[in-house]
Amino acid sequence: MHSSESINMAKKAKSRTIVVRLISAAGTGFTYVKQRPRTAAYRLTMMKFDPIVNKHVLFVENKIK
C-alpha cells in the first residue's frame, strides 16, 4: 500500500435491532434484556414478573452501557 493513497473501505452496516435493558419500576433492581427495532419511535415498556417482590410489575427500557 502507498502511504499517500487513502483507501475507501466499506463501512459495516448497523444492526436493525438494538439490545436494551428493562429495569423494574418496583425499584428492586431486577432486570430483563430484550431486543427492539432500532427505528422504533417508542421506549419499550412491558409488564413482567419480578421475583424479588413476587408479582408482575412494569419494566421500563434503559440503554445497556
Protein backbone atom coordinates (compact mmCIF):
# COMPACT_ATOMS: atom_id res chain seq x y z
CA MET A 1 0.00 0.00 0.00
CA HIS A 2 1.10 3.51 -0.65
CA SER A 3 1.01 5.88 2.26
CA SER A 4 -0.17 8.79 0.12
CA GLU A 5 -3.30 6.98 -1.06
CA SER A 6 -6.40 6.81 1.08
CA ILE A 7 -8.35 3.63 0.93
CA ASN A 8 -12.13 3.79 0.90
CA MET A 9 -13.33 0.73 2.77
CA ALA A 10 -16.99 -0.08 3.08
CA LYS A 11 -18.46 0.69 6.49
CA LYS A 12 -20.18 -2.09 8.35
CA ALA A 13 -23.96 -1.74 8.33
CA LYS A 14 -25.68 -1.04 11.65
CA SER A 15 -27.86 -3.75 13.06
CA ARG A 16 -31.62 -3.42 12.57
CA THR A 17 -32.19 -4.20 16.24
CA ILE A 18 -30.63 -2.93 19.45
CA VAL A 19 -30.35 -4.64 22.81
CA VAL A 20 -31.95 -2.80 25.73
CA ARG A 21 -32.21 -3.47 29.44
CA LEU A 22 -35.64 -3.45 31.09
CA ILE A 23 -35.48 -2.25 34.71
CA SER A 24 -38.19 -2.98 37.27
CA ALA A 25 -40.32 0.04 38.22
CA ALA A 26 -40.73 -1.54 41.67
CA GLY A 27 -37.20 -0.36 42.46
CA THR A 28 -35.79 -3.82 43.19
CA GLY A 29 -33.02 -3.54 40.60
CA PHE A 30 -34.18 -6.69 38.80
CA THR A 31 -33.66 -6.52 35.03
CA TYR A 32 -34.51 -8.29 31.78
CA VAL A 33 -32.63 -7.93 28.49
CA LYS A 34 -34.64 -7.62 25.26
CA GLN A 35 -34.17 -6.61 21.64
CA ARG A 36 -36.20 -3.95 19.89
CA PRO A 37 -36.06 -2.41 16.40
CA ARG A 38 -33.55 0.42 16.07
CA THR A 39 -36.08 2.52 14.15
CA ALA A 40 -38.83 2.27 16.78
CA ALA A 41 -40.09 5.68 17.92
CA TYR A 42 -41.06 4.39 21.36
CA ARG A 43 -39.37 3.27 24.54
CA LEU A 44 -40.08 -0.33 25.41
CA THR A 45 -42.28 -0.93 28.48
CA MET A 46 -43.86 -4.21 29.49
CA MET A 47 -45.45 -5.97 32.42
CA LYS A 48 -43.24 -8.86 33.53
CA PHE A 49 -42.67 -10.91 36.65
CA ASP A 50 -40.29 -9.54 39.29
CA PRO A 51 -39.24 -12.45 41.54
CA ILE A 52 -37.94 -10.16 44.28
CA VAL A 53 -41.42 -8.74 45.02
CA ASN A 54 -43.10 -11.93 43.68
CA LYS A 55 -45.55 -10.12 41.38
CA HIS A 56 -45.93 -8.68 37.89
CA VAL A 57 -44.71 -5.09 37.67
CA LEU A 58 -43.93 -2.55 34.94
CA PHE A 59 -40.46 -2.75 33.39
CA VAL A 60 -39.10 0.28 31.50
CA GLU A 61 -36.35 0.46 28.90
CA ASN A 62 -32.84 1.63 29.68
CA LYS A 63 -29.79 1.50 27.43
CA ILE A 64 -27.07 -1.02 28.13
CA LYS A 65 -23.83 0.75 28.94
